[in-house]
Structure formats: structure tokens, C-alpha cells
C-alpha atoms as a PDB file:
ATOM      1  CA  MET A   1     -14.509 -44.707 -32.401  1.00  0.00           C
ATOM      2  CA  ARG A   2     -12.570 -41.339 -33.851  1.00  0.00           C
ATOM      3  CA  TRP A   3     -13.830 -38.930 -36.012  1.00  0.00           C
ATOM      4  CA  TRP A   4     -12.318 -40.577 -39.135  1.00  0.00           C
ATOM      5  CA  ASP A   5     -14.649 -43.656 -37.967  1.00  0.00           C
ATOM      6  CA  ILE A   6     -17.838 -41.945 -38.883  1.00  0.00           C
ATOM      7  CA  ASP A   7     -18.633 -42.134 -42.773  1.00  0.00           C
ATOM      8  CA  PRO A   8     -17.734 -46.012 -42.555  1.00  0.00           C
ATOM      9  CA  VAL A   9     -19.847 -46.156 -39.500  1.00  0.00           C
ATOM     10  CA  LEU A  10     -22.230 -44.483 -41.091  1.00  0.00           C
ATOM     11  CA  GLU A  11     -22.853 -46.594 -44.133  1.00  0.00           C
ATOM     12  CA  LEU A  12     -23.018 -49.645 -41.643  1.00  0.00           C
ATOM     13  CA  GLU A  13     -25.780 -47.735 -39.869  1.00  0.00           C
ATOM     14  CA  ARG A  14     -27.608 -47.214 -42.777  1.00  0.00           C
ATOM     15  CA  ASP A  15     -27.645 -50.705 -43.881  1.00  0.00           C
ATOM     16  CA  LEU A  16     -28.717 -51.814 -40.432  1.00  0.00           C
ATOM     17  CA  PHE A  17     -31.141 -49.386 -39.519  1.00  0.00           C
ATOM     18  CA  PRO A  18     -32.633 -47.536 -42.819  1.00  0.00           C
ATOM     19  CA  GLU A  19     -35.542 -46.032 -41.261  1.00  0.00           C
ATOM     20  CA  ASP A  20     -34.141 -44.712 -38.159  1.00  0.00           C
ATOM     21  CA  ALA A  21     -30.386 -44.147 -38.853  1.00  0.00           C
ATOM     22  CA  TRP A  22     -28.388 -42.256 -36.675  1.00  0.00           C
ATOM     23  CA  SER A  23     -26.875 -38.742 -38.609  1.00  0.00           C
ATOM     24  CA  ARG A  24     -23.455 -37.574 -38.702  1.00  0.00           C
ATOM     25  CA  GLY A  25     -23.887 -34.799 -36.497  1.00  0.00           C
ATOM     26  CA  MET A  26     -25.553 -37.418 -33.776  1.00  0.00           C
ATOM     27  CA  PHE A  27     -22.319 -39.552 -34.097  1.00  0.00           C
ATOM     28  CA  TRP A  28     -20.330 -36.315 -33.763  1.00  0.00           C
ATOM     29  CA  SER A  29     -21.894 -34.975 -30.562  1.00  0.00           C
ATOM     30  CA  GLU A  30     -21.707 -38.380 -29.312  1.00  0.00           C
ATOM     31  CA  LEU A  31     -17.799 -38.579 -29.792  1.00  0.00           C
ATOM     32  CA  ALA A  32     -17.345 -34.749 -28.391  1.00  0.00           C
ATOM     33  CA  HIS A  33     -17.793 -36.554 -24.734  1.00  0.00           C
ATOM     34  CA  SER A  34     -15.967 -39.363 -25.133  1.00  0.00           C
ATOM     35  CA  ARG A  35     -12.161 -37.968 -24.248  1.00  0.00           C
ATOM     36  CA  GLY A  36     -10.753 -36.024 -21.887  1.00  0.00           C
ATOM     37  CA  THR A  37     -10.980 -35.987 -18.269  1.00  0.00           C
ATOM     38  CA  GLY A  38     -14.965 -35.295 -18.151  1.00  0.00           C
ATOM     39  CA  ALA A  39     -15.752 -37.983 -20.599  1.00  0.00           C
ATOM     40  CA  THR A  40     -19.315 -39.316 -20.164  1.00  0.00           C
ATOM     41  CA  ARG A  41     -19.090 -41.650 -23.281  1.00  0.00           C
ATOM     42  CA  CYS A  42     -17.550 -44.728 -24.802  1.00  0.00           C
ATOM     43  CA  TYR A  43     -17.666 -45.387 -28.281  1.00  0.00           C
ATOM     44  CA  LEU A  44     -15.694 -48.105 -29.832  1.00  0.00           C
ATOM     45  CA  VAL A  45     -15.369 -49.565 -33.405  1.00  0.00           C
ATOM     46  CA  ALA A  46     -14.806 -53.511 -34.264  1.00  0.00           C
ATOM     47  CA  GLU A  47     -12.602 -54.036 -37.572  1.00  0.00           C
ATOM     48  CA  SER A  48     -12.118 -56.935 -39.721  1.00  0.00           C
ATOM     49  CA  ALA A  49      -8.635 -58.254 -40.529  1.00  0.00           C
ATOM     50  CA  ASP A  50      -8.594 -56.002 -43.914  1.00  0.00           C
ATOM     51  CA  GLY A  51      -9.320 -53.085 -41.713  1.00  0.00           C
ATOM     52  CA  ARG A  52     -13.322 -52.741 -42.662  1.00  0.00           C
ATOM     53  CA  ILE A  53     -15.674 -51.596 -39.800  1.00  0.00           C
ATOM     54  CA  VAL A  54     -17.921 -54.366 -39.225  1.00  0.00           C
ATOM     55  CA  GLY A  55     -19.348 -53.363 -35.672  1.00  0.00           C
ATOM     56  CA  TYR A  56     -20.029 -50.302 -33.435  1.00  0.00           C
ATOM     57  CA  ALA A  57     -21.168 -49.704 -30.066  1.00  0.00           C
ATOM     58  CA  GLY A  58     -21.605 -46.958 -27.618  1.00  0.00           C
ATOM     59  CA  LEU A  59     -22.522 -46.168 -23.897  1.00  0.00           C
ATOM     60  CA  ALA A  60     -23.435 -42.843 -22.320  1.00  0.00           C
ATOM     61  CA  ALA A  61     -22.929 -42.205 -18.307  1.00  0.00           C
ATOM     62  CA  ALA A  62     -24.587 -39.759 -16.124  1.00  0.00           C
ATOM     63  CA  GLY A  63     -23.799 -40.275 -12.415  1.00  0.00           C
ATOM     64  CA  GLU A  64     -24.442 -44.012 -11.423  1.00  0.00           C
ATOM     65  CA  LEU A  65     -26.434 -44.592 -14.507  1.00  0.00           C
ATOM     66  CA  ALA A  66     -24.996 -45.828 -17.979  1.00  0.00           C
ATOM     67  CA  ASP A  67     -27.107 -46.263 -20.953  1.00  0.00           C
ATOM     68  CA  VAL A  68     -26.044 -48.873 -23.962  1.00  0.00           C
ATOM     69  CA  GLN A  69     -26.714 -46.205 -27.042  1.00  0.00           C
ATOM     70  CA  THR A  70     -26.128 -48.431 -30.065  1.00  0.00           C
ATOM     71  CA  ILE A  71     -24.481 -51.695 -30.703  1.00  0.00           C
ATOM     72  CA  ALA A  72     -24.395 -52.747 -34.556  1.00  0.00           C
ATOM     73  CA  VAL A  73     -22.755 -55.597 -36.270  1.00  0.00           C
ATOM     74  CA  ALA A  74     -22.346 -56.096 -39.864  1.00  0.00           C
ATOM     75  CA  ARG A  75     -24.550 -58.575 -41.548  1.00  0.00           C
ATOM     76  CA  ASP A  76     -21.665 -61.130 -42.403  1.00  0.00           C
ATOM     77  CA  HIS A  77     -20.594 -60.747 -38.800  1.00  0.00           C
ATOM     78  CA  GLN A  78     -23.870 -61.417 -36.962  1.00  0.00           C
ATOM     79  CA  GLY A  79     -23.674 -64.430 -34.898  1.00  0.00           C
ATOM     80  CA  THR A  80     -20.313 -64.714 -34.483  1.00  0.00           C
ATOM     81  CA  GLY A  81     -20.257 -63.321 -31.094  1.00  0.00           C
ATOM     82  CA  LEU A  82     -18.732 -59.847 -31.899  1.00  0.00           C
ATOM     83  CA  GLY A  83     -21.986 -58.376 -30.302  1.00  0.00           C
ATOM     84  CA  ALA A  84     -21.180 -60.154 -27.116  1.00  0.00           C
ATOM     85  CA  ARG A  85     -17.731 -58.897 -27.093  1.00  0.00           C
ATOM     86  CA  MET A  86     -18.600 -55.090 -28.038  1.00  0.00           C
ATOM     87  CA  LEU A  87     -21.229 -55.194 -24.718  1.00  0.00           C
ATOM     88  CA  THR A  88     -18.632 -56.940 -22.494  1.00  0.00           C
ATOM     89  CA  GLU A  89     -16.227 -53.923 -23.579  1.00  0.00           C
ATOM     90  CA  LEU A  90     -19.691 -51.305 -22.866  1.00  0.00           C
ATOM     91  CA  LEU A  91     -19.980 -53.007 -19.624  1.00  0.00           C
ATOM     92  CA  ARG A  92     -16.462 -52.454 -18.830  1.00  0.00           C
ATOM     93  CA  ALA A  93     -16.782 -48.737 -19.709  1.00  0.00           C
ATOM     94  CA  ALA A  94     -19.682 -48.467 -17.220  1.00  0.00           C
ATOM     95  CA  THR A  95     -17.841 -50.047 -14.595  1.00  0.00           C
ATOM     96  CA  ALA A  96     -15.265 -47.692 -15.127  1.00  0.00           C
ATOM     97  CA  PHE A  97     -17.665 -44.569 -15.070  1.00  0.00           C
ATOM     98  CA  GLU A  98     -18.481 -46.282 -11.774  1.00  0.00           C
ATOM     99  CA  CYS A  99     -22.121 -46.741 -12.770  1.00  0.00           C
ATOM    100  CA  HIS A 100     -24.136 -49.407 -10.702  1.00  0.00           C
ATOM    101  CA  GLU A 101     -27.453 -49.528 -13.186  1.00  0.00           C
ATOM    102  CA  VAL A 102     -27.213 -49.768 -16.890  1.00  0.00           C
ATOM    103  CA  MET A 103     -30.312 -49.290 -19.255  1.00  0.00           C
ATOM    104  CA  LEU A 104     -31.178 -49.946 -22.895  1.00  0.00           C
ATOM    105  CA  GLU A 105     -33.879 -49.742 -25.654  1.00  0.00           C
ATOM    106  CA  CYS A 106     -34.116 -52.688 -27.768  1.00  0.00           C
ATOM    107  CA  ARG A 107     -36.636 -52.964 -30.679  1.00  0.00           C
ATOM    108  CA  VAL A 108     -39.525 -55.181 -29.700  1.00  0.00           C
ATOM    109  CA  ASP A 109     -38.949 -57.504 -32.920  1.00  0.00           C
ATOM    110  CA  ASN A 110     -34.945 -57.996 -32.211  1.00  0.00           C
ATOM    111  CA  LEU A 111     -35.342 -61.362 -30.590  1.00  0.00           C
ATOM    112  CA  PRO A 112     -31.814 -61.679 -31.059  1.00  0.00           C
ATOM    113  CA  ALA A 113     -30.577 -58.621 -29.446  1.00  0.00           C
ATOM    114  CA  GLN A 114     -32.943 -59.489 -26.505  1.00  0.00           C
ATOM    115  CA  LYS A 115     -31.629 -62.937 -26.094  1.00  0.00           C
ATOM    116  CA  LEU A 116     -27.785 -61.334 -25.952  1.00  0.00           C
ATOM    117  CA  TYR A 117     -29.013 -58.866 -23.451  1.00  0.00           C
ATOM    118  CA  GLU A 118     -30.725 -61.512 -21.373  1.00  0.00           C
ATOM    119  CA  ARG A 119     -27.547 -63.655 -21.324  1.00  0.00           C
ATOM    120  CA  PHE A 120     -25.424 -60.647 -19.717  1.00  0.00           C
ATOM    121  CA  GLY A 121     -28.405 -60.282 -17.142  1.00  0.00           C
ATOM    122  CA  PHE A 122     -30.555 -57.768 -18.616  1.00  0.00           C
ATOM    123  CA  VAL A 123     -34.088 -58.082 -17.547  1.00  0.00           C
ATOM    124  CA  PRO A 124     -37.215 -56.186 -19.319  1.00  0.00           C
ATOM    125  CA  ILE A 125     -38.874 -53.296 -17.214  1.00  0.00           C
ATOM    126  CA  GLY A 126     -40.954 -52.014 -19.942  1.00  0.00           C
ATOM    127  CA  PHE A 127     -41.970 -50.481 -23.182  1.00  0.00           C
ATOM    128  CA  ARG A 128     -41.686 -47.237 -25.126  1.00  0.00           C
ATOM    129  CA  ARG A 129     -44.480 -47.094 -27.538  1.00  0.00           C
ATOM    130  CA  GLY A 130     -43.622 -45.888 -30.892  1.00  0.00           C
ATOM    131  CA  TYR A 131     -39.877 -45.240 -30.023  1.00  0.00           C
ATOM    132  CA  TYR A 132     -38.475 -46.056 -33.131  1.00  0.00           C
ATOM    133  CA  GLN A 133     -39.670 -43.734 -35.772  1.00  0.00           C
ATOM    134  CA  PRO A 134     -40.686 -43.412 -38.830  1.00  0.00           C
ATOM    135  CA  GLY A 135     -41.543 -47.185 -38.436  1.00  0.00           C
ATOM    136  CA  ASN A 136     -43.635 -46.868 -34.941  1.00  0.00           C
ATOM    137  CA  VAL A 137     -42.136 -49.454 -33.365  1.00  0.00           C
ATOM    138  CA  ASP A 138     -41.909 -50.076 -29.662  1.00  0.00           C
ATOM    139  CA  ALA A 139     -38.944 -50.246 -27.479  1.00  0.00           C
ATOM    140  CA  LEU A 140     -38.378 -53.170 -24.837  1.00  0.00           C
ATOM    141  CA  VAL A 141     -36.517 -51.201 -22.281  1.00  0.00           C
ATOM    142  CA  MET A 142     -34.113 -53.684 -19.973  1.00  0.00           C
ATOM    143  CA  ARG A 143     -32.153 -52.930 -17.200  1.00  0.00           C
ATOM    144  CA  LEU A 144     -28.998 -54.448 -15.400  1.00  0.00           C
ATOM    145  CA  THR A 145     -28.461 -53.603 -12.145  1.00  0.00           C
ATOM    146  CA  THR A 146     -24.740 -54.115 -10.694  1.00  0.00           C
ATOM    147  CA  GLU A 147     -25.518 -53.171  -6.846  1.00  0.00           C
ATOM    148  CA  PRO A 148     -25.007 -56.222  -4.188  1.00  0.00           C
ATOM    149  CA  GLY A 149     -28.510 -57.654  -3.553  1.00  0.00           C
ATOM    150  CA  SER A 150     -30.351 -56.409  -6.518  1.00  0.00           C
ATOM    151  CA  GLY A 151     -31.886 -57.888  -9.591  1.00  0.00           C
ATOM    152  CA  PRO A 152     -33.321 -61.375 -10.387  1.00  0.00           C
ATOM    153  CA  ALA A 153     -30.912 -63.100  -8.084  1.00  0.00           C
ATOM    154  CA  ALA A 154     -32.506 -61.087  -5.169  1.00  0.00           C
ATOM    155  CA  GLY A 155     -35.988 -61.920  -6.007  1.00  0.00           C
ATOM    156  CA  SER A 156     -36.964 -58.750  -7.802  1.00  0.00           C
ATOM    157  CA  ALA A 157     -38.914 -59.908 -11.006  1.00  0.00           C
ATOM    158  CA  PRO A 158     -38.913 -57.629 -14.274  1.00  0.00           C
ATOM    159  CA  VAL A 159     -42.157 -55.619 -14.442  1.00  0.00           C
ATOM    160  CA  GLN A 160     -44.012 -56.971 -17.306  1.00  0.00           C
ATOM    161  CA  GLY A 161     -46.311 -54.512 -19.763  1.00  0.00           C
ATOM    162  CA  THR A 162     -45.218 -51.221 -18.243  1.00  0.00           C
ATOM    163  CA  ASP A 163     -44.846 -48.257 -20.580  1.00  0.00           C
ATOM    164  CA  ILE A 164     -41.793 -46.148 -19.918  1.00  0.00           C
ATOM    165  CA  ASN A 165     -43.433 -43.331 -21.737  1.00  0.00           C
ATOM    166  CA  ASP A 166     -45.639 -42.596 -18.876  1.00  0.00           C
END
């Protein structure tokens, strides 16, 4: 994603997330950290054959921890695997940033997204009550751990019912 992508991304953002859409300034701020030797962000867009932006995604990295900031797919491209392809690219970026853990928040009412993340090995670890405003919708917090001997395969079960805000 580059600065010239912000306007079409904002259109898609407002369509998909009308209650809690990011602002132009939020995207500018994220993109400011996505280039150069000290980059800590990776943002990408997906375009249709006619050049229309039909998806975007972003990741922030800090030390060995990465956080999926956003993944959005245009309504007419949902169910096509685009979200999975963008998540794959974000996880590649997390590896390039040398992150061993990737976190994300997902609306508790967004079951398709939760299923996507679970397919990639993310496990639920708790909730953030009222995270999405102004709708006061809870967020499910999920984590993917890439270090050997960690995660569900090593026998660690996800924590159910934990409130991350505490």
C-alpha cells in the first residue's frame, strides 16, 4: 500500500466497517512506518484485473511480536481466498521482521474471519470487552506462536473467557 492507495482504501473501509472505520490520518500514520531500514509495518493492497482495490491488509511489528492491524476484502471478493492470500503475505512479513508471535483482534460476531485465522493456526486467548466502538462490540483476541514447542501442538490449550482489558 502506498499513499495514493489511501482514498480507495478509505472507500472500502467505510463500506465494510461503517461504525469503526479508520481515518485517513490513521492510514497515513501506519504507512509512515512501512518504508526504509527502520520499517515496522507492512501494508498491502489487492487489485482486481481492472485496477480496483478489492482488499487491503496491514501488520505492525515490535520486537518479536507482530500484530495484524487489519484485513479487509470487498464484498464481491469475499469467499474467493483473497483474505487467506493476504494473511499469508502478512505472516511472511512477520517472519521477515523476525517475529515469533502474531496477535490479532477479531469481532466476536465475525465468524468467517475467526475460521480463517483458526485455519492458519491462531488460537483464541481472550476477549477485549467493548473494543469496537461506537457499537460496543467485543473483540476475540487470537495468537499464533511460531517458536518450536509452542502452541496447540505442544499441548497448550487456549485460555477461554479471559478478558484482555484486565
